[in-house]
Structures are given as structure tokens and as C-alpha cells.
Protein backbone atom coordinates (compact mmCIF):
# COMPACT_ATOMS: atom_id res chain seq x y z
CA MET A 1 0.00 0.00 0.00
CA SER A 2 1.31 3.44 -0.89
CA SER A 3 1.86 6.07 1.75
CA MET A 4 0.63 8.94 -0.44
CA MET A 5 0.39 12.03 1.74
CA MET A 6 -0.91 15.52 1.11
CA THR A 7 0.32 18.58 3.00
CA SER A 8 -2.25 20.87 4.56
CA ALA A 9 -1.49 23.43 1.84
CA ALA A 10 -2.36 20.85 -0.85
CA ARG A 11 -5.57 19.82 0.91
CA ASP A 12 -6.62 23.45 1.34
CA ALA A 13 -5.88 24.30 -2.31
CA LEU A 14 -7.87 21.35 -3.64
CA ARG A 15 -11.45 22.28 -4.47
CA GLU A 16 -14.35 20.16 -3.25
CA ASP A 17 -14.92 18.49 -6.64
CA GLU A 18 -11.21 17.93 -7.39
CA VAL A 19 -8.64 15.20 -6.89
CA ILE A 20 -4.91 15.07 -7.56
CA PHE A 21 -4.05 13.18 -10.75
CA PHE A 22 -0.64 11.75 -11.65
CA ASP A 23 -0.53 11.55 -15.42
CA TRP A 24 1.99 9.62 -17.51
CA HIS A 25 3.55 11.20 -20.59
CA VAL A 26 5.38 8.97 -23.06
CA VAL A 27 8.83 10.16 -24.06
CA GLY A 28 10.68 8.23 -26.77
CA LEU A 29 14.27 7.34 -26.01
CA CYS A 30 16.36 5.70 -28.70
CA CYS A 31 14.68 2.35 -29.33
CA ALA A 32 12.62 2.22 -26.13
CA ASP A 33 9.72 4.24 -24.77
CA ALA A 34 10.12 5.97 -21.47
CA GLY A 35 7.90 8.44 -19.72
CA GLU A 36 7.51 11.12 -17.11
CA PHE A 37 4.97 12.00 -14.44
CA SER A 38 2.98 15.20 -14.14
CA VAL A 39 0.75 16.08 -11.21
CA ARG A 40 -2.29 18.31 -11.43
CA PRO A 41 -5.72 18.88 -9.96
CA LEU A 42 -8.57 17.36 -11.92
CA ARG A 43 -12.32 17.41 -11.44
CA ARG A 44 -13.61 14.01 -10.37
CA ARG A 45 -15.99 13.80 -13.31
CA ARG A 46 -13.05 14.29 -15.71
CA LEU A 47 -10.97 11.42 -14.31
CA PRO A 48 -10.12 8.86 -16.97
CA ARG A 49 -11.99 5.58 -16.44
CA ARG A 50 -8.76 3.67 -16.06
CA ALA A 51 -7.40 5.98 -13.32
CA ARG A 52 -6.55 4.13 -10.13
CA GLN A 53 -6.65 5.56 -6.62
CA ILE A 54 -3.41 5.59 -4.65
CA GLY A 55 -3.94 4.90 -0.97
CA SER A 56 -6.78 6.61 0.87
CA ALA A 57 -5.95 10.21 -0.11
CA PRO A 58 -7.88 11.84 -2.98
CA VAL A 59 -5.00 10.99 -5.31
CA TYR A 60 -5.37 9.03 -8.56
CA ALA A 61 -2.91 7.95 -11.23
CA HIS A 62 -2.76 6.83 -14.83
CA PRO A 63 -2.31 3.02 -14.80
CA THR A 64 1.33 3.25 -15.94
CA ALA A 65 2.12 5.89 -13.32
CA TRP A 66 0.28 3.88 -10.66
CA VAL A 67 2.55 0.87 -11.24
CA HIS A 68 5.59 3.00 -10.46
CA LEU A 69 4.05 4.93 -7.54
CA ALA A 70 2.27 2.15 -5.65
CA GLY A 71 4.10 1.46 -2.42
CA LEU A 72 6.27 4.58 -2.51
CA PRO A 73 6.13 7.27 0.17
CA VAL A 74 5.18 10.37 -1.83
CA THR A 75 4.13 13.78 -0.50
CA VAL A 76 2.00 16.16 -2.57
CA ASP A 77 2.31 19.88 -1.78
CA CYS A 78 0.85 23.05 -3.28
CA ARG A 79 2.17 26.54 -3.69
CA ALA A 80 -0.52 29.11 -4.27
CA LEU A 81 -0.04 32.61 -5.62
CA GLY A 82 -3.39 34.32 -5.78
CA ARG A 83 -5.69 32.17 -7.92
CA TRP A 84 -2.77 30.24 -9.44
CA ARG A 85 -1.98 26.85 -7.85
CA ARG A 86 1.06 24.69 -8.47
CA PHE A 87 0.95 21.15 -7.13
CA THR A 88 4.33 19.51 -6.61
CA THR A 89 5.71 16.27 -5.18
CA ASP A 90 8.87 15.22 -3.42
CA LEU A 91 9.71 12.86 -6.30
CA PRO A 92 12.99 13.52 -8.11
CA PRO A 93 12.52 15.54 -11.31
CA ASP A 94 13.53 12.51 -13.40
CA ALA A 95 11.32 10.03 -11.52
CA GLY A 96 9.63 8.59 -14.62
CA LEU A 97 12.90 8.07 -16.42
CA ARG A 98 14.37 6.40 -13.34
CA CYS A 99 11.40 4.01 -13.21
CA CYS A 100 11.80 3.08 -16.87
CA LEU A 101 15.50 2.41 -16.43
CA GLY A 102 14.99 0.31 -13.29
CA ARG A 103 16.63 2.80 -10.92
CA PRO A 104 15.01 3.12 -7.49
CA LEU A 105 13.04 6.19 -6.47
CA SER A 106 13.36 5.61 -2.75
CA GLY A 107 16.32 5.00 -0.50
CA GLY A 108 19.73 6.60 -0.83
CA ASN A 109 19.35 7.66 -4.48
CA ARG A 110 16.66 10.29 -3.90
């Protein structure tokens, strides 16, 4: 089970009809496909049917992202500036590429 956590700032910034969604974006590398994560708020009714919930928090992920995130301790935070909200995580900036290349996201390599 994942220990997906949201800071109080992220919970406060999330609107009543929204969830956090980890999307997966395919990036071609040489002869193999790799990808990267993005995190954003999404209205519940706009969630893709294949989205899977991560833990008990209102956090969902694309199936490919879910495979890489399940079981990891991830914290979602939000920085707000007026009406603009930016949701971030404590994942390394190259987390998706690391997953595709078999490098760990947790432990000493963070």
C-alpha cells in the first residue's frame, strides 16, 4: 500500500470536486519508450476511467504511473499565488525516467 500524503497546503488548495491526478507522458528514447509524471488537480468527473486511486488520499494515477508509484512514500504539496496553484511532489525531477531504467526512487538515491 502506498503512503501517499498531502500537506495541509495541498488539501486546502484542492477544491471540493477535485482530486490530484498523476498523469503519464510517453517520451521516446532511442529504441525504447520511457515516460515522465505530471501532477495536477482534476475534477472528479473528468478522471479517466482507467485511473486508479493511490492509498486513501484523494489521489489518482494513470495506470502506468500507478505501477511506479504504488508502495512509494510520496508527498503532494501546493504553492498558491493568488488564484494560481502549483501542485508539486517530493519525487525527483527525473522520476519517470528512473522508473523506466529500473533505478530506485526511494532510499539513498533520492
